Each structure stands twice: as C-alpha cells, then as structure tokens.
Protein backbone atom coordinates (compact mmCIF):
# COMPACT_ATOMS: atom_id res chain seq x y z
CA UNK A 1 -1.58 -21.99 17.46
CA UNK A 2 0.90 -19.23 16.72
CA UNK A 3 2.65 -17.53 19.64
CA UNK A 4 1.38 -13.98 19.95
CA UNK A 5 4.77 -12.48 19.16
CA UNK A 6 4.87 -14.27 15.81
CA UNK A 7 2.66 -11.50 14.36
CA UNK A 8 5.69 -9.56 13.21
CA UNK A 9 5.41 -6.48 11.07
CA UNK A 10 7.27 -5.13 8.06
CA UNK A 11 6.52 -2.39 5.55
CA UNK A 12 7.66 -1.75 2.00
CA UNK A 13 7.18 1.75 0.59
CA UNK A 14 7.70 3.00 -2.96
CA UNK A 15 8.70 6.62 -3.58
CA UNK A 16 8.87 8.92 -6.58
CA UNK A 17 12.05 10.85 -7.39
CA UNK A 18 11.46 14.45 -8.44
CA UNK A 19 13.54 17.36 -9.66
CA UNK A 20 13.57 20.19 -7.06
CA UNK A 21 13.25 22.89 -9.72
CA UNK A 22 10.83 21.55 -12.33
CA UNK A 23 9.14 19.10 -9.91
CA UNK A 24 9.05 16.60 -12.77
CA UNK A 25 9.96 12.96 -12.28
CA UNK A 26 13.70 12.40 -12.70
CA UNK A 27 15.49 9.09 -13.54
CA UNK A 28 17.89 9.25 -10.59
CA UNK A 29 17.46 5.91 -8.81
CA UNK A 30 20.97 4.66 -9.64
CA UNK A 31 22.55 7.73 -8.07
CA UNK A 32 20.23 7.61 -5.06
CA UNK A 33 20.99 3.94 -4.44
CA UNK A 34 24.72 4.56 -4.84
CA UNK A 35 24.49 7.14 -2.06
CA UNK A 36 22.17 5.15 0.21
CA UNK A 37 22.91 1.43 -0.12
CA UNK A 38 26.37 1.48 1.51
CA UNK A 39 24.78 2.67 4.77
CA UNK A 40 21.32 1.07 4.53
CA UNK A 41 22.08 -2.17 2.71
CA UNK A 42 20.78 -3.61 -0.55
CA UNK A 43 17.67 -5.11 1.08
CA UNK A 44 16.61 -1.86 2.72
CA UNK A 45 16.57 0.26 -0.45
CA UNK A 46 16.17 -1.08 -3.99
CA UNK A 47 15.30 -0.23 -7.57
CA UNK A 48 11.71 -0.26 -8.77
CA UNK A 49 10.24 -0.64 -12.25
CA UNK A 50 11.17 2.90 -13.30
CA UNK A 51 14.38 4.85 -12.77
CA UNK A 52 12.24 7.61 -11.25
CA UNK A 53 11.27 5.34 -8.35
CA UNK A 54 12.90 3.63 -5.39
CA UNK A 55 11.59 1.17 -2.81
CA UNK A 56 12.47 0.82 0.86
CA UNK A 57 11.80 -2.11 3.16
CA UNK A 58 11.91 -2.08 6.93
CA UNK A 59 13.49 -4.86 8.95
CA UNK A 60 11.16 -7.24 10.78
CA UNK A 61 9.50 -5.27 13.60
CA UNK A 62 7.53 -6.44 16.62
CA UNK A 63 6.06 -3.15 17.85
CA UNK A 64 4.64 -0.04 16.27
CA UNK A 65 7.38 1.96 17.96
CA UNK A 66 10.01 -0.17 16.20
CA UNK A 67 8.24 0.31 12.90
CA UNK A 68 7.98 4.07 13.38
CA UNK A 69 11.68 4.33 14.23
CA UNK A 70 12.66 2.24 11.20
CA UNK A 71 10.49 4.18 8.74
CA UNK A 72 11.71 7.48 10.16
CA UNK A 73 15.37 6.48 9.81
CA UNK A 74 14.92 5.06 6.30
CA UNK A 75 13.11 8.14 5.06
CA UNK A 76 15.66 10.52 6.56
CA UNK A 77 18.63 8.69 5.10
CA UNK A 78 16.97 8.25 1.72
CA UNK A 79 15.96 11.92 1.61
CA UNK A 80 19.58 12.86 2.30
CA UNK A 81 20.79 10.50 -0.44
CA UNK A 82 18.27 11.98 -2.87
CA UNK A 83 19.40 15.51 -2.04
CA UNK A 84 23.02 14.49 -2.58
CA UNK A 85 21.91 13.14 -5.98
CA UNK A 86 20.20 16.38 -6.94
CA UNK A 87 16.61 15.24 -6.45
CA UNK A 88 13.95 14.72 -3.77
CA UNK A 89 11.75 11.80 -2.64
CA UNK A 90 7.96 12.12 -2.77
CA UNK A 91 5.60 9.62 -1.15
CA UNK A 92 2.50 9.83 -3.36
CA UNK A 93 0.55 7.18 -5.21
CA UNK A 94 0.92 9.04 -8.52
CA UNK A 95 2.80 12.09 -9.77
CA UNK A 96 0.45 15.04 -10.40
CA UNK A 97 1.60 15.88 -13.92
CA UNK A 98 4.67 14.02 -15.24
CA UNK A 99 3.98 11.87 -18.30
CA UNK A 100 4.44 8.13 -18.18
CA UNK A 101 5.77 8.22 -21.78
CA UNK A 102 8.84 10.15 -20.62
CA UNK A 103 9.90 7.62 -17.97
CA UNK A 104 12.76 5.15 -18.34
CA UNK A 105 12.38 1.51 -17.34
CA UNK A 106 15.09 0.27 -14.99
CA UNK A 107 17.52 -1.70 -17.19
CA UNK A 108 17.18 -5.05 -15.48
CA UNK A 109 16.09 -8.24 -17.17
CA UNK A 110 13.10 -8.78 -14.86
CA UNK A 111 11.72 -5.33 -15.57
CA UNK A 112 12.38 -5.51 -19.30
CA UNK A 113 10.54 -8.85 -19.50
CA UNK A 114 7.77 -7.41 -17.38
CA UNK A 115 7.14 -4.60 -19.86
CA UNK A 116 7.45 -6.95 -22.83
CA UNK A 117 4.78 -9.23 -21.35
CA UNK A 118 2.26 -6.66 -20.13
CA UNK A 119 2.87 -3.85 -22.64
CA UNK A 120 0.74 -0.72 -22.12
CA UNK A 121 -0.42 -1.39 -18.59
CA UNK A 122 3.21 -1.88 -17.58
CA UNK A 123 4.28 1.28 -19.40
CA UNK A 124 1.76 3.28 -17.36
CA UNK A 125 2.87 1.69 -14.07
CA UNK A 126 4.36 4.91 -12.69
CA UNK A 127 2.76 4.67 -9.27
CA UNK A 128 3.66 3.89 -5.68
CA UNK A 129 2.07 1.66 -3.07
CA UNK A 130 2.55 0.57 0.52
CA UNK A 131 2.82 -3.14 1.32
CA UNK A 132 2.34 -4.32 4.91
CA UNK A 133 3.66 -7.77 5.85
CA UNK A 134 2.21 -9.53 8.89
CA UNK A 135 4.00 -12.67 10.02
CA UNK A 136 1.90 -15.85 10.05
CA UNK A 137 4.03 -18.97 9.85
CA UNK A 138 1.38 -21.61 9.26
CA UNK A 139 0.48 -21.61 5.53
CA UNK A 140 -3.12 -22.77 6.01
CA UNK A 141 -3.70 -20.33 8.87
CA UNK A 142 -2.42 -17.58 6.58
CA UNK A 143 -5.00 -18.54 3.94
CA UNK A 144 -7.87 -18.63 6.42
CA UNK A 145 -6.81 -15.22 7.74
CA UNK A 146 -6.53 -13.85 4.20
CA UNK A 147 -10.04 -15.04 3.42
CA UNK A 148 -11.50 -13.12 6.33
CA UNK A 149 -9.63 -9.81 6.10
CA UNK A 150 -10.92 -9.07 2.60
CA UNK A 151 -14.27 -7.81 3.88
CA UNK A 152 -12.50 -4.94 5.70
CA UNK A 153 -10.06 -3.66 3.10
CA UNK A 154 -12.28 -0.86 1.76
CA UNK A 155 -12.00 1.43 4.83
CA UNK A 156 -8.25 0.77 4.91
CA UNK A 157 -7.98 1.98 1.31
CA UNK A 158 -10.21 4.98 2.00
CA UNK A 159 -7.96 6.11 4.85
CA UNK A 160 -4.87 5.70 2.66
CA UNK A 161 -6.05 7.34 -0.60
CA UNK A 162 -3.14 9.46 -1.85
CA UNK A 163 -3.29 9.72 -5.65
CA UNK A 164 -5.93 12.21 -6.84
CA UNK A 165 -4.01 13.61 -9.83
CA UNK A 166 -2.81 11.97 -13.07
CA UNK A 167 -1.27 13.58 -16.17
CA UNK A 168 -2.09 17.10 -15.05
CA UNK A 169 -5.75 16.54 -14.19
CA UNK A 170 -7.84 15.92 -11.10
CA UNK A 171 -9.17 12.40 -11.67
CA UNK A 172 -12.06 12.73 -9.22
CA UNK A 173 -10.63 9.77 -7.27
CA UNK A 174 -8.99 9.67 -3.87
CA UNK A 175 -6.87 6.77 -5.13
CA UNK A 176 -6.51 6.83 -8.89
CA UNK A 177 -3.56 4.47 -8.48
CA UNK A 178 -6.17 1.86 -7.57
CA UNK A 179 -7.93 2.34 -10.92
CA UNK A 180 -4.68 2.00 -12.83
CA UNK A 181 -3.68 -1.04 -10.82
CA UNK A 182 -6.93 -2.96 -11.27
CA UNK A 183 -6.08 -3.75 -14.91
CA UNK A 184 -3.56 -6.46 -13.98
CA UNK A 185 -4.66 -10.11 -14.36
CA UNK A 186 -4.19 -10.75 -10.64
CA UNK A 187 -5.31 -7.42 -9.18
CA UNK A 188 -8.10 -6.64 -6.70
CA UNK A 189 -9.79 -9.46 -4.77
CA UNK A 190 -9.10 -13.16 -5.02
CA UNK A 191 -12.17 -14.56 -3.29
CA UNK A 192 -11.90 -17.40 -0.78
CA UNK A 193 -9.60 -20.43 -0.75
CA UNK A 194 -10.22 -23.71 1.03
CA UNK A 195 -6.55 -24.24 1.90
CA UNK A 196 -3.00 -23.33 0.97
CA UNK A 197 -3.02 -26.24 -1.47
CA UNK A 198 -6.08 -24.69 -3.13
CA UNK A 199 -4.26 -21.36 -3.40
CA UNK A 200 -1.08 -22.96 -4.78
CA UNK A 201 -3.09 -24.89 -7.37
CA UNK A 202 -4.67 -21.67 -8.67
CA UNK A 203 -1.29 -19.92 -8.85
CA UNK A 204 0.11 -22.91 -10.77
CA UNK A 205 -2.80 -22.68 -13.21
CA UNK A 206 -2.25 -18.95 -13.73
CA UNK A 207 1.41 -19.63 -14.53
CA UNK A 208 0.48 -22.49 -16.84
CA UNK A 209 -1.94 -20.38 -18.89
CA UNK A 210 0.55 -17.52 -19.17
CA UNK A 211 -1.30 -14.94 -17.06
CA UNK A 212 1.70 -14.53 -14.73
CA UNK A 213 5.34 -15.58 -14.79
CA UNK A 214 5.52 -16.88 -11.23
CA UNK A 215 3.97 -16.53 -7.77
CA UNK A 216 5.60 -13.13 -7.23
CA UNK A 217 3.27 -11.77 -9.93
CA UNK A 218 0.18 -12.45 -7.82
CA UNK A 219 -0.92 -8.93 -6.88
CA UNK A 220 -4.23 -9.27 -5.09
CA UNK A 221 -5.10 -6.75 -2.40
CA UNK A 222 -3.94 -9.31 0.14
CA UNK A 223 -1.87 -12.40 -0.57
CA UNK A 224 0.51 -14.86 1.05
CA UNK A 225 3.96 -13.50 0.36
CA UNK A 226 5.92 -15.49 -2.18
CA UNK A 227 9.16 -14.81 -0.27
CA UNK A 228 8.33 -14.59 3.42
CA UNK A 229 6.09 -16.39 5.96
CA UNK A 230 3.66 -13.49 5.95
CA UNK A 231 0.41 -12.27 4.53
CA UNK A 232 0.91 -9.08 2.58
CA UNK A 233 -1.60 -6.24 2.47
CA UNK A 234 -1.19 -4.45 -0.88
CA UNK A 235 -4.35 -2.36 -1.07
CA UNK A 236 -2.93 1.01 0.05
CA UNK A 237 -1.32 3.92 -1.73
CA UNK A 238 2.02 4.86 -0.25
CA UNK A 239 1.46 7.13 2.75
CA UNK A 240 2.91 10.63 2.63
CA UNK A 241 3.68 10.74 6.36
CA UNK A 242 5.18 8.23 8.76
CA UNK A 243 2.12 8.64 11.00
CA UNK A 244 -0.15 7.45 8.19
CA UNK A 245 2.14 4.53 7.36
CA UNK A 246 2.12 3.43 11.01
CA UNK A 247 -1.67 3.79 11.05
CA UNK A 248 -2.12 1.57 8.00
CA UNK A 249 0.31 -1.02 9.37
CA UNK A 250 -1.31 -1.02 12.80
CA UNK A 251 -4.77 -1.51 11.35
CA UNK A 252 -3.55 -4.25 8.98
CA UNK A 253 -1.87 -6.21 11.75
CA UNK A 254 -4.84 -5.89 14.10
CA UNK A 255 -7.07 -7.08 11.28
CA UNK A 256 -4.82 -10.08 10.67
CA UNK A 257 -4.69 -10.97 14.36
CA UNK A 258 -8.46 -10.62 14.76
CA UNK A 259 -9.28 -12.73 11.73
CA UNK A 260 -6.62 -15.30 12.62
CA UNK A 261 -8.20 -15.70 16.06
CA UNK A 262 -11.64 -16.21 14.50
CA UNK A 263 -10.23 -18.90 12.24
CA UNK A 264 -8.60 -20.69 15.21
CA UNK A 265 -11.90 -20.60 17.09
CA UNK A 266 -13.58 -22.35 14.19
CA UNK A 267 -15.90 -19.46 13.38
CA UNK A 268 -17.47 -19.80 9.95
CA UNK A 269 -15.83 -17.50 7.46
CA UNK A 270 -18.23 -15.20 5.66
CA UNK A 271 -16.31 -14.03 2.60
CA UNK A 272 -18.24 -11.63 0.35
CA UNK A 273 -18.32 -12.40 -3.35
CA UNK A 274 -15.44 -10.87 -5.37
CA UNK A 275 -17.93 -8.69 -7.26
CA UNK A 276 -19.05 -7.05 -4.00
CA UNK A 277 -15.46 -6.64 -2.84
CA UNK A 278 -14.61 -4.93 -6.15
CA UNK A 279 -17.55 -2.56 -5.68
CA UNK A 280 -16.40 -1.78 -2.14
CA UNK A 281 -12.88 -1.16 -3.34
CA UNK A 282 -14.07 1.08 -6.19
CA UNK A 283 -16.12 3.31 -3.91
CA UNK A 284 -13.24 3.58 -1.43
CA UNK A 285 -10.88 4.57 -4.25
CA UNK A 286 -13.40 7.02 -5.69
CA UNK A 287 -14.62 8.80 -2.55
CA UNK A 288 -12.01 8.17 0.14
CA UNK A 289 -13.40 9.20 3.52
CA UNK A 290 -15.65 11.86 1.98
CA UNK A 291 -18.55 9.81 0.61
CA UNK A 292 -20.58 6.69 1.14
CA UNK A 293 -18.74 3.37 1.18
CA UNK A 294 -19.76 -0.27 0.99
CA UNK A 295 -19.81 -2.22 4.23
CA UNK A 296 -19.06 -5.61 2.72
CA UNK A 297 -19.98 -7.41 5.95
CA UNK A 298 -23.58 -6.13 5.82
CA UNK A 299 -23.85 -5.24 2.11
CA UNK A 300 -24.92 -1.73 3.06
CA UNK A 301 -23.96 1.67 1.72
CA UNK A 302 -22.91 3.80 4.72
CA UNK A 303 -21.11 7.12 5.29
CA UNK A 304 -17.34 6.65 5.27
CA UNK A 305 -16.86 7.85 8.88
CA UNK A 306 -19.34 5.22 10.04
CA UNK A 307 -17.51 2.44 8.20
CA UNK A 308 -14.19 3.58 9.67
CA UNK A 309 -15.85 3.56 13.10
CA UNK A 310 -17.12 0.03 12.48
CA UNK A 311 -13.61 -1.09 11.53
CA UNK A 312 -12.20 0.36 14.74
CA UNK A 313 -14.96 -1.24 16.80
CA UNK A 314 -14.21 -4.61 15.22
CA UNK A 315 -10.49 -4.26 15.95
CA UNK A 316 -10.70 -2.61 19.37
CA UNK A 317 -10.54 -5.81 21.49
CA UNK A 318 -7.33 -6.87 19.75
CA UNK A 319 -5.79 -3.39 19.83
CA UNK A 320 -6.57 -3.02 23.52
CA UNK A 321 -5.16 -6.46 24.28
CA UNK A 322 -1.88 -5.46 22.62
CA UNK A 323 -1.86 -1.94 24.13
CA UNK A 324 -2.10 -0.32 20.70
CA UNK A 325 -5.63 1.06 20.87
CA UNK A 326 -4.79 4.61 21.96
CA UNK A 327 -2.09 5.07 19.32
CA UNK A 328 -3.97 3.57 16.38
CA UNK A 329 -7.28 5.24 17.26
CA UNK A 330 -5.53 8.61 17.63
CA UNK A 331 -3.83 8.19 14.26
CA UNK A 332 -7.15 7.35 12.59
CA UNK A 333 -8.84 10.33 14.27
CA UNK A 334 -6.05 12.63 13.10
CA UNK A 335 -6.33 11.36 9.53
CA UNK A 336 -10.10 11.83 9.53
CA UNK A 337 -9.74 15.34 10.96
CA UNK A 338 -7.13 16.72 8.57
CA UNK A 339 -7.96 14.48 5.61
CA UNK A 340 -5.96 11.69 3.99
CA UNK A 341 -3.19 12.44 1.52
CA UNK A 342 -5.54 12.95 -1.42
CA UNK A 343 -7.45 15.67 0.43
CA UNK A 344 -4.25 17.48 1.37
CA UNK A 345 -2.93 17.27 -2.21
CA UNK A 346 -6.14 18.83 -3.49
CA UNK A 347 -5.98 21.58 -0.86
CA UNK A 348 -2.42 22.39 -1.91
CA UNK A 349 -3.50 22.65 -5.55
CA UNK A 350 -6.56 24.77 -4.85
CA UNK A 351 -4.56 27.39 -2.94
CA UNK A 352 -2.89 28.64 -6.14
CA UNK A 353 -3.83 26.24 -8.93
CA UNK A 354 -0.25 24.95 -9.25
CA UNK A 355 0.68 21.27 -9.42
CA UNK A 356 4.21 22.28 -8.43
CA UNK A 357 2.80 23.25 -5.03
CA UNK A 358 1.34 19.77 -4.69
CA UNK A 359 4.75 18.21 -5.29
CA UNK A 360 6.36 20.63 -2.82
CA UNK A 361 3.87 19.70 -0.12
CA UNK A 362 4.29 15.97 -0.66
CA UNK A 363 8.09 16.31 -0.60
CA UNK A 364 7.95 18.33 2.61
CA UNK A 365 5.60 15.87 4.33
CA UNK A 366 7.65 12.88 3.17
CA UNK A 367 10.86 14.31 4.61
CA UNK A 368 9.28 15.52 7.88
CA UNK A 369 9.92 12.19 9.57
C-alpha cells in the first residue's frame, strides 16, 4: 500500500505566444526561454512543437497550496520574460484566428521527425493542453487506478473546455482542441489493462507496427508517465486562470486517490467500453457544462451540472479526508457560475465581434496570477 503522502502532484501547462499589437501568434519561444530559463531552470520552462508555444512544469508538490504558489510564480516570471521579448503569453487551448500554415516548427530533431512521421495532423498541432501528474509508485497499482478513472474524465473535460475558436470561426465546441487531438493513433481512451505487463506489451506492439516511435508517444487521456512514477491526466485544455488549473489538478488527484483505494480494497473494476468513453468525451468537448453529458458509470445522458455534482459526490469522502473539500468544491462552483474558459472567450467575442478582444482577455486572465 502506498503511503498517503506519495500522491504527489505536478502540472505541465502549454501556452501560446502572441504579438501585443496584432494578437497573432509570434515565433518568440527562443527569446522567451533565453529570458526565463536562467532564473527558472531548463526543466521548468521548455520549447514545444512550435516556436509560438512554450511549456512550463511545476516541481513536485504535495499540497494544493504548493501547486498554486508554483503555478503563480511560473506564470508571473514567464509573463515578464515574454514582455521583455516583445510578446505575451496566452493560456488557451487554441488561438482564435492565427493560421497553422504560418507557424514555424521548433528546429529540433525530435520535432522535425515528429512532423515528418505524422504529416498534416502534426502541422495542425497548434494547441495547448494541461497535464496533471499524480504520483503512484507501484506500476500495477497505477494501471488499476488508470482503468478506473476513465469513467469520470468527461466532467473533468467539460469543466476545462477552453478552445471554442479555430481559424477565425466559432467551432460550436467548448473544446475544439479535443477534436483536433483525437486524430492521433494513441489519442482518447485506451480501455482496460490487466496489468502493467499488459500495458507494456501493447506499447511495444504499437512501436513495432510503426504507430508510435516510443512510449512517450502514447497520448491517451490518462496514461502511466513514460518518465516519472505517476499517472498523467491529459484530457484537459490548458486553463486560463490559476484557479482553474488548481481545480483540475485537485479533482484529478482526488480521482486517482479514490480509484486507487477501490483497487486496493479489491473492488471489481467496471470500465466502460472505449466506444462509450469516446461518446462521453465527445459530448463534453462539444457542450462543456452547458448541455447534456454522458454519465459513463450509468450509461445515462444527464444535464452537465448533475454530472459535475455526481463527480463531486464521488470524490467528497477523499477530499474531506485530505481537507481539500472546501477549496475544490468552491473552485468548481465558481467555474460553473461564471463559465469555463470557452464561455468567457465567447462572451468576450460577442461584446464587439472582435477576436482581438478574445486574445486580450485570455492574456489578461493568464497574467492575473
């Protein structure tokens, strides 16, 4: 059994770099990293696939307060580095209007090979996600936990939807990034695995048949990290605000702890079929918290607020045990009340019909840490 404090927490966030005048994407990551890495370190801030993106990673955290402080500091320092480089950072799943054709791939061998292998879907990969790592040291326990959490990822995605616009149009989705992402050979839901050996055998087969280069190219909504003793939640768009990032991380960790405890108690795992999980994910990406979503545990279509309430009810014993209930529940309530990032982006656009105003709002919220 894992000690309780082994459920550590870490978050990776990807940001867009935008020009303060045109609000277009700008290929400034080398300048931003030159300004930020001396103070933050090479592991804390890194290149991403495109020169108009950067990625940050928090240190290992044990409490939500630690995570909040780390994200706040990283965002503030990176925003200052971006300003010194003549640009701004924007935490949104997609840019509202910049064209993918105009973006420059980061000139590193890994990224160049990546585009050569995957072609068009890689060329359109101008999007940003949030990855939450939860520490689980035992490889088989991590797999059993991963199996169980998949049924609850749809409400997590709905709360985090933050990419309604693409190429100058309203896509009709709360998370259009999800629709772009699902084209990868190892995207969406993996189904259930009997053991870590079962998982490793599938990854080896995917490498053997040329679907992926290595285990780091497994991009399911939740996976065992290829680098760390964690399970990694990858379902969410990047959050515009620190509050939303802490909310997503708090829910993900509580979900991991709850499902891990069920596995230790020998409770039978009930993992919905991948087809149902894909349907649940699609509706969450399409409607966010404003429509009906799939409760994968009951195979029912229910109003989004009810499914979010069911998620909180399921996690409440764990959150109360760890004295996180009040904070996480308040963050969820605040998100439901004012709307997730996608709702706020649409409201900014509808005020004057200007995508530039959307970018301005996202930039302001990103830097308001």
